[in-house]
Amino acid sequence: MIDNAYARGQKLLCGDYSQYTPTGKSYFIKKSRWFTVPQRGDIVYFYYTSLGRVGHVGAAVVVDTDYQKKTFKFVSIEGNTSGSAGERNGGCVAKHTYEGTFDKVGGTNKINGFGRPAYSMDTCTVDEFIHVLENEMGYIEKASNKDLDSKTANPGDANYTKYGKWYGYTPAYWCQQFISWCAYEACRQHMEKTQTGWEQQSDGTWKYLRYGAYIKDEWELINTAAGPQWFVFDGAGAMTTGWFGSNDQGWYYMNPDDGAMLAAQWFEVDGKHYYATKTGETAKSVYVKSTAPGIYCWVNGSGEWEKEWDTTMPDLQTYGLAE
């Protein structure tokens, strides 16, 4: 499992981040994720006859495909563009609409092809990527290396952007930098939303994240080095230790060392011995089979072991035997 957003973004783009459009395209080709028919979330590359290569890029956010007529129509969000579709001729993030036929994709056609990112639970979803793209709509490039994070402040045509700053190279043509940044940001947000694991708080308590949210007022079965174990969390999300429960619903003992519920074992609290059944509930008014052969131990109505009532002839029909 990839453990950081930067690496997840690289995986999403099938290799690495880039600022040179032919590089971005090549990653998709190498991973056999290059297509002539668009899908929502694809990265679309545009060919420039003046350059003899792809020179502009965007991301398809709305796609309508007719497989019978072999036609398509899509809306793309692009960086470093303006009013003219498929051009790196301006200084903003904008939407453009395109129509075409399957046989007019590739070669020296304006629409060169579609790279399909590796969407997954380990990177991000199509919707999450598009959400980031749409949030960048209206960003205007800057006249200088100032106010880069603002969408509209310090407008200009000098190719300074926050995307280039993040990438490490600005000013520069930034349409591919824009796609790279959006891939990283989508994976970062996805990781935050789906993060699962323990977190120690500044006060020393422990909380558990499940898909980006703390578990509160719940039991949770969590995989540990010792296998799956039950834990319980209070209304603030803090892991509970020690006694937990009520007279009506039963009492459980959560290991003070790690918070895991004790089960199918004897334990000692303040000099008194108790037995946690296999479900974790503390046994009461019942016999418990001793570790000594043939001996049955008695725990009273408070769950405390009363050694003087140990016996080899328990009244199991009346009092039962704890599991």
C-alpha atoms as a PDB file:
ATOM      1  CA  MET A   1       0.000   0.000   0.000  1.00  0.00           C
ATOM      2  CA  ILE A   2       1.501   3.339  -1.031  1.00  0.00           C
ATOM      3  CA  ASP A   3       1.773   5.517   2.064  1.00  0.00           C
ATOM      4  CA  ASN A   4       2.066   9.074   0.775  1.00  0.00           C
ATOM      5  CA  ALA A   5       0.096  11.363  -1.499  1.00  0.00           C
ATOM      6  CA  TYR A   6       3.058  12.313  -3.689  1.00  0.00           C
ATOM      7  CA  ALA A   7       3.754   8.715  -4.669  1.00  0.00           C
ATOM      8  CA  ARG A   8       0.042   8.068  -5.171  1.00  0.00           C
ATOM      9  CA  GLY A   9      -0.138  10.935  -7.644  1.00  0.00           C
ATOM     10  CA  GLN A  10       2.791   9.483  -9.568  1.00  0.00           C
ATOM     11  CA  LYS A  11       0.989   6.156  -9.744  1.00  0.00           C
ATOM     12  CA  LEU A  12      -2.210   7.869 -10.881  1.00  0.00           C
ATOM     13  CA  LEU A  13      -0.346   9.399 -13.829  1.00  0.00           C
ATOM     14  CA  CYS A  14       1.178   6.005 -14.667  1.00  0.00           C
ATOM     15  CA  GLY A  15       4.750   6.996 -13.936  1.00  0.00           C
ATOM     16  CA  ASP A  16       5.542  10.457 -12.670  1.00  0.00           C
ATOM     17  CA  TYR A  17       4.658  14.127 -12.696  1.00  0.00           C
ATOM     18  CA  SER A  18       5.780  16.153 -15.686  1.00  0.00           C
ATOM     19  CA  GLN A  19       5.705  19.604 -17.246  1.00  0.00           C
ATOM     20  CA  TYR A  20       6.551  18.559 -20.813  1.00  0.00           C
ATOM     21  CA  THR A  21       3.463  17.209 -22.577  1.00  0.00           C
ATOM     22  CA  PRO A  22       5.256  14.454 -24.573  1.00  0.00           C
ATOM     23  CA  THR A  23       6.591  13.112 -21.262  1.00  0.00           C
ATOM     24  CA  GLY A  24       3.121  12.972 -19.739  1.00  0.00           C
ATOM     25  CA  LYS A  25       1.808  11.199 -22.833  1.00  0.00           C
ATOM     26  CA  SER A  26       4.663   8.669 -22.847  1.00  0.00           C
ATOM     27  CA  TYR A  27       3.828   7.418 -19.339  1.00  0.00           C
ATOM     28  CA  PHE A  28       0.331   6.418 -20.442  1.00  0.00           C
ATOM     29  CA  ILE A  29       1.643   4.715 -23.576  1.00  0.00           C
ATOM     30  CA  LYS A  30       4.204   2.698 -21.606  1.00  0.00           C
ATOM     31  CA  LYS A  31       1.474   1.456 -19.266  1.00  0.00           C
ATOM     32  CA  SER A  32      -0.846   0.577 -22.200  1.00  0.00           C
ATOM     33  CA  ARG A  33      -3.337   3.190 -21.031  1.00  0.00           C
ATOM     34  CA  TRP A  34      -3.503   5.222 -24.242  1.00  0.00           C
ATOM     35  CA  PHE A  35      -6.842   5.303 -26.122  1.00  0.00           C
ATOM     36  CA  THR A  36      -8.628   6.867 -29.086  1.00  0.00           C
ATOM     37  CA  VAL A  37     -12.085   6.894 -27.483  1.00  0.00           C
ATOM     38  CA  PRO A  38     -12.514   9.141 -24.437  1.00  0.00           C
ATOM     39  CA  GLN A  39     -13.862   8.313 -21.014  1.00  0.00           C
ATOM     40  CA  ARG A  40     -14.692  10.656 -18.165  1.00  0.00           C
ATOM     41  CA  GLY A  41     -11.506  11.449 -16.257  1.00  0.00           C
ATOM     42  CA  ASP A  42      -9.150  10.839 -19.199  1.00  0.00           C
ATOM     43  CA  ILE A  43      -6.214  13.146 -19.890  1.00  0.00           C
ATOM     44  CA  VAL A  44      -6.527  14.498 -23.442  1.00  0.00           C
ATOM     45  CA  TYR A  45      -3.475  15.529 -25.458  1.00  0.00           C
ATOM     46  CA  PHE A  46      -3.549  17.980 -28.364  1.00  0.00           C
ATOM     47  CA  TYR A  47      -1.192  17.885 -31.341  1.00  0.00           C
ATOM     48  CA  TYR A  48       0.595  20.974 -32.683  1.00  0.00           C
ATOM     49  CA  THR A  49       1.692  20.844 -36.310  1.00  0.00           C
ATOM     50  CA  SER A  50       3.968  23.811 -35.632  1.00  0.00           C
ATOM     51  CA  LEU A  51       5.821  21.756 -33.022  1.00  0.00           C
ATOM     52  CA  GLY A  52       5.477  18.354 -34.649  1.00  0.00           C
ATOM     53  CA  ARG A  53       4.339  16.892 -31.305  1.00  0.00           C
ATOM     54  CA  VAL A  54       1.719  17.180 -28.592  1.00  0.00           C
ATOM     55  CA  GLY A  55       1.849  20.627 -27.050  1.00  0.00           C
ATOM     56  CA  HIS A  56      -1.248  21.044 -24.911  1.00  0.00           C
ATOM     57  CA  VAL A  57      -3.211  18.934 -22.435  1.00  0.00           C
ATOM     58  CA  GLY A  58      -6.475  18.923 -20.506  1.00  0.00           C
ATOM     59  CA  ALA A  59      -8.759  16.551 -18.619  1.00  0.00           C
ATOM     60  CA  ALA A  60     -12.133  15.291 -19.860  1.00  0.00           C
ATOM     61  CA  VAL A  61     -14.763  15.976 -17.196  1.00  0.00           C
ATOM     62  CA  VAL A  62     -17.929  15.310 -19.230  1.00  0.00           C
ATOM     63  CA  VAL A  63     -17.998  12.711 -22.017  1.00  0.00           C
ATOM     64  CA  ASP A  64     -20.761  11.642 -24.401  1.00  0.00           C
ATOM     65  CA  THR A  65     -19.848   8.791 -26.746  1.00  0.00           C
ATOM     66  CA  ASP A  66     -21.929   7.228 -29.530  1.00  0.00           C
ATOM     67  CA  TYR A  67     -20.381   3.873 -30.408  1.00  0.00           C
ATOM     68  CA  GLN A  68     -22.788   3.253 -33.277  1.00  0.00           C
ATOM     69  CA  LYS A  69     -21.948   6.512 -35.011  1.00  0.00           C
ATOM     70  CA  LYS A  70     -18.389   6.386 -33.695  1.00  0.00           C
ATOM     71  CA  THR A  71     -18.539   9.959 -32.490  1.00  0.00           C
ATOM     72  CA  PHE A  72     -17.805  11.699 -29.230  1.00  0.00           C
ATOM     73  CA  LYS A  73     -18.286  14.992 -27.478  1.00  0.00           C
ATOM     74  CA  PHE A  74     -16.482  15.990 -24.328  1.00  0.00           C
ATOM     75  CA  VAL A  75     -15.833  18.935 -22.046  1.00  0.00           C
ATOM     76  CA  SER A  76     -12.242  19.453 -20.951  1.00  0.00           C
ATOM     77  CA  ILE A  77     -10.735  21.523 -18.147  1.00  0.00           C
ATOM     78  CA  GLU A  78      -7.359  22.922 -19.162  1.00  0.00           C
ATOM     79  CA  GLY A  79      -4.653  25.131 -17.749  1.00  0.00           C
ATOM     80  CA  ASN A  80      -2.685  27.762 -19.679  1.00  0.00           C
ATOM     81  CA  THR A  81      -5.599  28.388 -22.001  1.00  0.00           C
ATOM     82  CA  SER A  82      -8.165  31.066 -22.848  1.00  0.00           C
ATOM     83  CA  GLY A  83     -11.042  31.419 -25.260  1.00  0.00           C
ATOM     84  CA  SER A  84      -9.679  29.189 -28.013  1.00  0.00           C
ATOM     85  CA  ALA A  85     -10.127  25.460 -27.567  1.00  0.00           C
ATOM     86  CA  GLY A  86      -7.067  23.245 -27.462  1.00  0.00           C
ATOM     87  CA  GLU A  87      -4.591  26.110 -27.301  1.00  0.00           C
ATOM     88  CA  ARG A  88      -1.936  27.049 -24.778  1.00  0.00           C
ATOM     89  CA  ASN A  89      -2.533  30.668 -25.609  1.00  0.00           C
ATOM     90  CA  GLY A  90      -3.773  32.173 -22.412  1.00  0.00           C
ATOM     91  CA  GLY A  91      -3.387  32.530 -18.758  1.00  0.00           C
ATOM     92  CA  CYS A  92      -6.229  30.781 -16.975  1.00  0.00           C
ATOM     93  CA  VAL A  93      -7.918  27.509 -16.120  1.00  0.00           C
ATOM     94  CA  ALA A  94     -10.987  27.125 -18.313  1.00  0.00           C
ATOM     95  CA  LYS A  95     -13.430  24.658 -19.860  1.00  0.00           C
ATOM     96  CA  HIS A  96     -13.662  23.855 -23.550  1.00  0.00           C
ATOM     97  CA  THR A  97     -15.955  21.572 -25.539  1.00  0.00           C
ATOM     98  CA  TYR A  98     -14.839  19.280 -28.368  1.00  0.00           C
ATOM     99  CA  GLU A  99     -16.557  17.010 -30.862  1.00  0.00           C
ATOM    100  CA  GLY A 100     -15.004  14.411 -33.094  1.00  0.00           C
ATOM    101  CA  THR A 101     -15.024  10.956 -34.624  1.00  0.00           C
ATOM    102  CA  PHE A 102     -13.044   7.911 -33.588  1.00  0.00           C
ATOM    103  CA  ASP A 103     -11.039   7.883 -36.818  1.00  0.00           C
ATOM    104  CA  LYS A 104      -9.886  11.480 -36.365  1.00  0.00           C
ATOM    105  CA  VAL A 105      -7.891  10.823 -33.210  1.00  0.00           C
ATOM    106  CA  GLY A 106      -4.129  10.334 -33.307  1.00  0.00           C
ATOM    107  CA  GLY A 107      -1.418  11.042 -35.824  1.00  0.00           C
ATOM    108  CA  THR A 108      -1.373  14.719 -36.721  1.00  0.00           C
ATOM    109  CA  ASN A 109      -5.025  15.255 -35.828  1.00  0.00           C
ATOM    110  CA  LYS A 110      -5.653  17.974 -33.263  1.00  0.00           C
ATOM    111  CA  ILE A 111      -6.885  15.454 -30.715  1.00  0.00           C
ATOM    112  CA  ASN A 112      -3.906  13.152 -30.376  1.00  0.00           C
ATOM    113  CA  GLY A 113      -5.305  10.675 -27.869  1.00  0.00           C
ATOM    114  CA  PHE A 114      -6.470  10.002 -24.346  1.00  0.00           C
ATOM    115  CA  GLY A 115      -4.366   8.870 -21.408  1.00  0.00           C
ATOM    116  CA  ARG A 116      -6.331   6.979 -18.778  1.00  0.00           C
ATOM    117  CA  PRO A 117      -5.081   7.552 -15.206  1.00  0.00           C
ATOM    118  CA  ALA A 118      -4.800   4.594 -12.840  1.00  0.00           C
ATOM    119  CA  TYR A 119      -7.829   5.382 -10.705  1.00  0.00           C
ATOM    120  CA  SER A 120      -8.146   3.103  -7.677  1.00  0.00           C
ATOM    121  CA  MET A 121      -8.611   3.140  -3.925  1.00  0.00           C
ATOM    122  CA  ASP A 122      -4.828   3.460  -3.711  1.00  0.00           C
ATOM    123  CA  THR A 123      -4.761   6.688  -5.753  1.00  0.00           C
ATOM    124  CA  CYS A 124      -8.111   8.487  -6.093  1.00  0.00           C
ATOM    125  CA  THR A 125     -11.455   8.178  -7.860  1.00  0.00           C
ATOM    126  CA  VAL A 126     -12.518   9.854 -11.097  1.00  0.00           C
ATOM    127  CA  ASP A 127     -14.941  12.045  -9.155  1.00  0.00           C
ATOM    128  CA  GLU A 128     -12.234  13.153  -6.729  1.00  0.00           C
ATOM    129  CA  PHE A 129      -9.892  14.128  -9.568  1.00  0.00           C
ATOM    130  CA  ILE A 130     -12.620  16.056 -11.369  1.00  0.00           C
ATOM    131  CA  HIS A 131     -13.602  17.780  -8.121  1.00  0.00           C
ATOM    132  CA  VAL A 132     -10.068  19.180  -7.845  1.00  0.00           C
ATOM    133  CA  LEU A 133     -10.061  20.248 -11.500  1.00  0.00           C
ATOM    134  CA  GLU A 134     -13.360  22.078 -11.147  1.00  0.00           C
ATOM    135  CA  ASN A 135     -12.214  23.856  -7.996  1.00  0.00           C
ATOM    136  CA  GLU A 136      -9.342  25.371  -9.994  1.00  0.00           C
ATOM    137  CA  MET A 137     -11.643  26.931 -12.585  1.00  0.00           C
ATOM    138  CA  GLY A 138     -10.949  30.645 -12.963  1.00  0.00           C
ATOM    139  CA  TYR A 139      -7.338  30.536 -11.782  1.00  0.00           C
ATOM    140  CA  ILE A 140      -5.383  33.240 -13.637  1.00  0.00           C
ATOM    141  CA  GLU A 141      -1.648  33.114 -14.247  1.00  0.00           C
ATOM    142  CA  LYS A 142       0.430  35.843 -12.631  1.00  0.00           C
ATOM    143  CA  ALA A 143       2.537  38.744 -13.794  1.00  0.00           C
ATOM    144  CA  SER A 144       5.254  37.830 -11.283  1.00  0.00           C
ATOM    145  CA  ASN A 145       6.130  35.383  -8.543  1.00  0.00           C
ATOM    146  CA  LYS A 146       3.588  36.988  -6.206  1.00  0.00           C
ATOM    147  CA  ASP A 147       0.129  35.986  -4.923  1.00  0.00           C
ATOM    148  CA  LEU A 148       0.488  32.608  -6.611  1.00  0.00           C
ATOM    149  CA  ASP A 149      -2.155  30.944  -4.441  1.00  0.00           C
ATOM    150  CA  SER A 150      -4.811  33.540  -5.223  1.00  0.00           C
ATOM    151  CA  LYS A 151      -7.079  32.770  -8.159  1.00  0.00           C
ATOM    152  CA  THR A 152      -7.325  36.337  -9.432  1.00  0.00           C
ATOM    153  CA  ALA A 153      -4.688  38.544  -7.752  1.00  0.00           C
ATOM    154  CA  ASN A 154      -1.647  39.816  -9.688  1.00  0.00           C
ATOM    155  CA  PRO A 155      -2.979  38.777 -13.121  1.00  0.00           C
ATOM    156  CA  GLY A 156      -0.570  38.735 -16.031  1.00  0.00           C
ATOM    157  CA  ASP A 157       0.806  36.766 -18.940  1.00  0.00           C
ATOM    158  CA  ALA A 158       4.238  35.825 -17.615  1.00  0.00           C
ATOM    159  CA  ASN A 159       3.397  32.148 -16.904  1.00  0.00           C
ATOM    160  CA  TYR A 160       3.893  32.352 -13.137  1.00  0.00           C
ATOM    161  CA  THR A 161       1.532  29.940 -11.340  1.00  0.00           C
ATOM    162  CA  LYS A 162       1.173  27.989  -8.108  1.00  0.00           C
ATOM    163  CA  TYR A 163       1.332  24.824 -10.218  1.00  0.00           C
ATOM    164  CA  GLY A 164       4.796  25.748 -11.460  1.00  0.00           C
ATOM    165  CA  LYS A 165       5.918  26.683  -7.966  1.00  0.00           C
ATOM    166  CA  TRP A 166       4.743  23.296  -6.690  1.00  0.00           C
ATOM    167  CA  TYR A 167       6.461  21.529  -9.583  1.00  0.00           C
ATOM    168  CA  GLY A 168       9.670  23.478  -9.009  1.00  0.00           C
ATOM    169  CA  TYR A 169       9.840  25.347 -12.297  1.00  0.00           C
ATOM    170  CA  THR A 170       8.182  28.684 -12.990  1.00  0.00           C
ATOM    171  CA  PRO A 171       7.608  30.637 -15.178  1.00  0.00           C
ATOM    172  CA  ALA A 172       6.844  28.033 -17.830  1.00  0.00           C
ATOM    173  CA  TYR A 173       4.039  26.790 -20.050  1.00  0.00           C
ATOM    174  CA  TRP A 174       1.934  25.212 -17.362  1.00  0.00           C
ATOM    175  CA  CYS A 175      -0.840  23.061 -18.845  1.00  0.00           C
ATOM    176  CA  GLN A 176       0.990  19.810 -17.950  1.00  0.00           C
ATOM    177  CA  GLN A 177       2.085  21.205 -14.591  1.00  0.00           C
ATOM    178  CA  PHE A 178      -1.596  21.884 -13.918  1.00  0.00           C
ATOM    179  CA  ILE A 179      -2.532  18.246 -14.591  1.00  0.00           C
ATOM    180  CA  SER A 180       0.353  17.060 -12.402  1.00  0.00           C
ATOM    181  CA  TRP A 181      -0.677  19.296  -9.499  1.00  0.00           C
ATOM    182  CA  CYS A 182      -4.334  18.232  -9.759  1.00  0.00           C
ATOM    183  CA  ALA A 183      -3.297  14.564  -9.705  1.00  0.00           C
ATOM    184  CA  TYR A 184      -1.262  15.125  -6.550  1.00  0.00           C
ATOM    185  CA  GLU A 185      -3.987  17.179  -4.863  1.00  0.00           C
ATOM    186  CA  ALA A 186      -6.713  14.630  -5.668  1.00  0.00           C
ATOM    187  CA  CYS A 187      -4.593  11.844  -4.188  1.00  0.00           C
ATOM    188  CA  ARG A 188      -3.785  13.943  -1.122  1.00  0.00           C
ATOM    189  CA  GLN A 189      -7.465  14.620  -0.477  1.00  0.00           C
ATOM    190  CA  HIS A 190      -8.342  10.986  -1.143  1.00  0.00           C
ATOM    191  CA  MET A 191      -5.705   9.837   1.336  1.00  0.00           C
ATOM    192  CA  GLU A 192      -7.106  12.173   3.999  1.00  0.00           C
ATOM    193  CA  LYS A 193     -10.635  10.873   3.448  1.00  0.00           C
ATOM    194  CA  THR A 194      -9.658   7.215   3.405  1.00  0.00           C
ATOM    195  CA  GLN A 195      -6.929   7.254   6.058  1.00  0.00           C
ATOM    196  CA  THR A 196      -7.297   4.420   8.536  1.00  0.00           C
ATOM    197  CA  GLY A 197      -5.122   3.849  11.565  1.00  0.00           C
ATOM    198  CA  TRP A 198      -4.111   4.892  15.046  1.00  0.00           C
ATOM    199  CA  GLU A 199      -3.239   8.451  16.047  1.00  0.00           C
ATOM    200  CA  GLN A 200      -1.849   9.486  19.417  1.00  0.00           C
ATOM    201  CA  GLN A 201      -3.137  12.841  20.617  1.00  0.00           C
ATOM    202  CA  SER A 202      -1.164  15.558  22.402  1.00  0.00           C
ATOM    203  CA  ASP A 203      -2.771  14.564  25.720  1.00  0.00           C
ATOM    204  CA  GLY A 204      -1.485  11.010  25.326  1.00  0.00           C
ATOM    205  CA  THR A 205      -4.823   9.420  24.413  1.00  0.00           C
ATOM    206  CA  TRP A 206      -5.238   7.303  21.303  1.00  0.00           C
ATOM    207  CA  LYS A 207      -7.842   7.677  18.569  1.00  0.00           C
ATOM    208  CA  TYR A 208      -8.549   5.509  15.540  1.00  0.00           C
ATOM    209  CA  LEU A 209      -9.255   6.865  12.064  1.00  0.00           C
ATOM    210  CA  ARG A 210     -11.617   4.864   9.870  1.00  0.00           C
ATOM    211  CA  TYR A 211     -11.713   6.215   6.311  1.00  0.00           C
ATOM    212  CA  GLY A 212     -10.673   9.662   7.465  1.00  0.00           C
ATOM    213  CA  ALA A 213     -13.039  10.002  10.446  1.00  0.00           C
ATOM    214  CA  TYR A 214     -12.471   9.210  14.106  1.00  0.00           C
ATOM    215  CA  ILE A 215     -14.533   6.372  15.552  1.00  0.00           C
ATOM    216  CA  LYS A 216     -16.740   7.694  18.359  1.00  0.00           C
ATOM    217  CA  ASP A 217     -19.118   5.945  20.768  1.00  0.00           C
ATOM    218  CA  GLU A 218     -18.439   2.606  19.081  1.00  0.00           C
ATOM    219  CA  TRP A 219     -16.810  -0.750  19.398  1.00  0.00           C
ATOM    220  CA  GLU A 220     -14.387  -1.584  16.591  1.00  0.00           C
ATOM    221  CA  LEU A 221     -12.653  -4.834  15.649  1.00  0.00           C
ATOM    222  CA  ILE A 222      -9.130  -3.822  14.634  1.00  0.00           C
ATOM    223  CA  ASN A 223      -6.339  -5.946  13.208  1.00  0.00           C
ATOM    224  CA  THR A 224      -3.273  -5.983  15.454  1.00  0.00           C
ATOM    225  CA  ALA A 225      -0.012  -7.909  15.615  1.00  0.00           C
ATOM    226  CA  ALA A 226      -1.821 -10.358  17.907  1.00  0.00           C
ATOM    227  CA  GLY A 227      -4.718 -10.730  15.463  1.00  0.00           C
ATOM    228  CA  PRO A 228      -8.143  -9.023  15.364  1.00  0.00           C
ATOM    229  CA  GLN A 229      -9.012  -7.433  18.710  1.00  0.00           C
ATOM    230  CA  TRP A 230     -11.933  -5.387  20.020  1.00  0.00           C
ATOM    231  CA  PHE A 231     -11.506  -1.781  21.129  1.00  0.00           C
ATOM    232  CA  VAL A 232     -14.045   0.764  22.337  1.00  0.00           C
ATOM    233  CA  PHE A 233     -14.032   4.548  21.896  1.00  0.00           C
ATOM    234  CA  ASP A 234     -15.792   7.275  23.855  1.00  0.00           C
ATOM    235  CA  GLY A 235     -17.828  10.214  22.567  1.00  0.00           C
ATOM    236  CA  ALA A 236     -14.691  12.244  21.887  1.00  0.00           C
ATOM    237  CA  GLY A 237     -13.095   9.364  19.996  1.00  0.00           C
ATOM    238  CA  ALA A 238     -10.562   8.471  22.699  1.00  0.00           C
ATOM    239  CA  MET A 239      -9.734   4.799  23.206  1.00  0.00           C
ATOM    240  CA  THR A 240     -11.133   3.486  26.494  1.00  0.00           C
ATOM    241  CA  THR A 241      -9.007   1.530  28.965  1.00  0.00           C
ATOM    242  CA  GLY A 242      -9.982  -0.236  32.174  1.00  0.00           C
ATOM    243  CA  TRP A 243     -13.593  -1.035  33.028  1.00  0.00           C
ATOM    244  CA  PHE A 244     -16.253  -0.309  30.428  1.00  0.00           C
ATOM    245  CA  GLY A 245     -19.960  -1.117  30.363  1.00  0.00           C
ATOM    246  CA  SER A 246     -22.975  -1.115  32.657  1.00  0.00           C
ATOM    247  CA  ASN A 247     -24.923  -3.426  34.947  1.00  0.00           C
ATOM    248  CA  ASP A 248     -27.578  -3.814  32.261  1.00  0.00           C
ATOM    249  CA  GLN A 249     -25.279  -4.489  29.307  1.00  0.00           C
ATOM    250  CA  GLY A 250     -22.427  -6.182  31.096  1.00  0.00           C
ATOM    251  CA  TRP A 251     -18.929  -5.161  32.102  1.00  0.00           C
ATOM    252  CA  TYR A 252     -15.786  -5.492  30.013  1.00  0.00           C
ATOM    253  CA  TYR A 253     -12.172  -4.885  30.859  1.00  0.00           C
ATOM    254  CA  MET A 254     -10.022  -3.071  28.319  1.00  0.00           C
ATOM    255  CA  ASN A 255      -6.312  -3.755  28.739  1.00  0.00           C
ATOM    256  CA  PRO A 256      -4.732  -0.655  30.347  1.00  0.00           C
ATOM    257  CA  ASP A 257      -1.550  -1.264  28.331  1.00  0.00           C
ATOM    258  CA  ASP A 258      -3.014  -1.275  24.817  1.00  0.00           C
ATOM    259  CA  GLY A 259      -6.798  -0.847  25.107  1.00  0.00           C
ATOM    260  CA  ALA A 260      -7.653  -4.271  23.678  1.00  0.00           C
ATOM    261  CA  MET A 261     -10.621  -6.064  25.237  1.00  0.00           C
ATOM    262  CA  LEU A 262      -9.677  -9.033  27.397  1.00  0.00           C
ATOM    263  CA  ALA A 263     -11.420 -12.290  26.498  1.00  0.00           C
ATOM    264  CA  ALA A 264     -11.348 -15.939  27.646  1.00  0.00           C
ATOM    265  CA  GLN A 265      -8.900 -15.212  30.432  1.00  0.00           C
ATOM    266  CA  TRP A 266      -8.492 -14.363  34.090  1.00  0.00           C
ATOM    267  CA  PHE A 267      -7.386 -10.869  35.033  1.00  0.00           C
ATOM    268  CA  GLU A 268      -6.630  -8.984  38.228  1.00  0.00           C
ATOM    269  CA  VAL A 269      -7.799  -5.497  39.226  1.00  0.00           C
ATOM    270  CA  ASP A 270      -6.947  -3.981  42.612  1.00  0.00           C
ATOM    271  CA  GLY A 271      -6.078  -7.366  44.067  1.00  0.00           C
ATOM    272  CA  LYS A 272      -9.314  -9.033  42.953  1.00  0.00           C
ATOM    273  CA  HIS A 273      -9.569 -11.656  40.236  1.00  0.00           C
ATOM    274  CA  TYR A 274     -12.181 -11.717  37.486  1.00  0.00           C
ATOM    275  CA  TYR A 275     -12.873 -13.836  34.443  1.00  0.00           C
ATOM    276  CA  ALA A 276     -13.511 -12.384  30.977  1.00  0.00           C
ATOM    277  CA  THR A 277     -15.622 -14.782  28.908  1.00  0.00           C
ATOM    278  CA  LYS A 278     -14.892 -15.445  25.254  1.00  0.00           C
ATOM    279  CA  THR A 279     -17.149 -12.499  24.315  1.00  0.00           C
ATOM    280  CA  GLY A 280     -15.269 -10.287  26.764  1.00  0.00           C
ATOM    281  CA  GLU A 281     -18.157  -9.858  29.189  1.00  0.00           C
ATOM    282  CA  THR A 282     -17.090 -10.367  32.793  1.00  0.00           C
ATOM    283  CA  ALA A 283     -18.539 -13.577  34.249  1.00  0.00           C
ATOM    284  CA  LYS A 284     -20.904 -13.222  37.243  1.00  0.00           C
ATOM    285  CA  SER A 285     -22.612 -15.730  39.547  1.00  0.00           C
ATOM    286  CA  VAL A 286     -21.226 -18.664  37.615  1.00  0.00           C
ATOM    287  CA  TYR A 287     -18.562 -21.348  37.715  1.00  0.00           C
ATOM    288  CA  VAL A 288     -15.353 -21.047  35.707  1.00  0.00           C
ATOM    289  CA  LYS A 289     -13.161 -24.019  34.904  1.00  0.00           C
ATOM    290  CA  SER A 290      -9.830 -23.615  36.653  1.00  0.00           C
ATOM    291  CA  THR A 291      -6.477 -24.117  35.006  1.00  0.00           C
ATOM    292  CA  ALA A 292      -5.947 -26.769  37.697  1.00  0.00           C
ATOM    293  CA  PRO A 293      -7.364 -30.164  36.617  1.00  0.00           C
ATOM    294  CA  GLY A 294     -10.838 -30.944  37.961  1.00  0.00           C
ATOM    295  CA  ILE A 295     -11.265 -27.646  39.824  1.00  0.00           C
ATOM    296  CA  TYR A 296     -14.133 -25.215  39.241  1.00  0.00           C
ATOM    297  CA  CYS A 297     -13.883 -21.635  40.468  1.00  0.00           C
ATOM    298  CA  TRP A 298     -16.811 -19.550  41.650  1.00  0.00           C
ATOM    299  CA  VAL A 299     -17.245 -15.863  40.726  1.00  0.00           C
ATOM    300  CA  ASN A 300     -19.874 -13.940  42.667  1.00  0.00           C
ATOM    301  CA  GLY A 301     -22.505 -11.404  41.598  1.00  0.00           C
ATOM    302  CA  SER A 302     -19.830  -8.722  41.302  1.00  0.00           C
ATOM    303  CA  GLY A 303     -17.666 -10.958  39.134  1.00  0.00           C
ATOM    304  CA  GLU A 304     -15.053 -11.465  41.874  1.00  0.00           C
ATOM    305  CA  TRP A 305     -13.450 -14.868  42.334  1.00  0.00           C
ATOM    306  CA  GLU A 306     -14.185 -16.353  45.768  1.00  0.00           C
ATOM    307  CA  LYS A 307     -11.454 -18.927  46.285  1.00  0.00           C
ATOM    308  CA  GLU A 308     -13.169 -20.531  49.269  1.00  0.00           C
ATOM    309  CA  TRP A 309     -15.901 -21.789  46.951  1.00  0.00           C
ATOM    310  CA  ASP A 310     -13.559 -23.646  44.607  1.00  0.00           C
ATOM    311  CA  THR A 311     -14.915 -27.164  44.152  1.00  0.00           C
ATOM    312  CA  THR A 312     -14.612 -30.403  42.252  1.00  0.00           C
ATOM    313  CA  MET A 313     -18.398 -30.873  42.338  1.00  0.00           C
ATOM    314  CA  PRO A 314     -19.991 -27.674  40.959  1.00  0.00           C
ATOM    315  CA  ASP A 315     -23.759 -27.263  40.662  1.00  0.00           C
ATOM    316  CA  LEU A 316     -23.627 -26.580  36.933  1.00  0.00           C
ATOM    317  CA  GLN A 317     -27.326 -27.258  36.441  1.00  0.00           C
ATOM    318  CA  THR A 318     -28.213 -24.327  38.691  1.00  0.00           C
ATOM    319  CA  TYR A 319     -25.359 -21.901  38.062  1.00  0.00           C
ATOM    320  CA  GLY A 320     -23.880 -22.911  34.719  1.00  0.00           C
ATOM    321  CA  LEU A 321     -20.336 -22.788  33.396  1.00  0.00           C
ATOM    322  CA  ALA A 322     -18.774 -19.685  31.862  1.00  0.00           C
ATOM    323  CA  GLU A 323     -17.124 -20.045  28.477  1.00  0.00           C
END
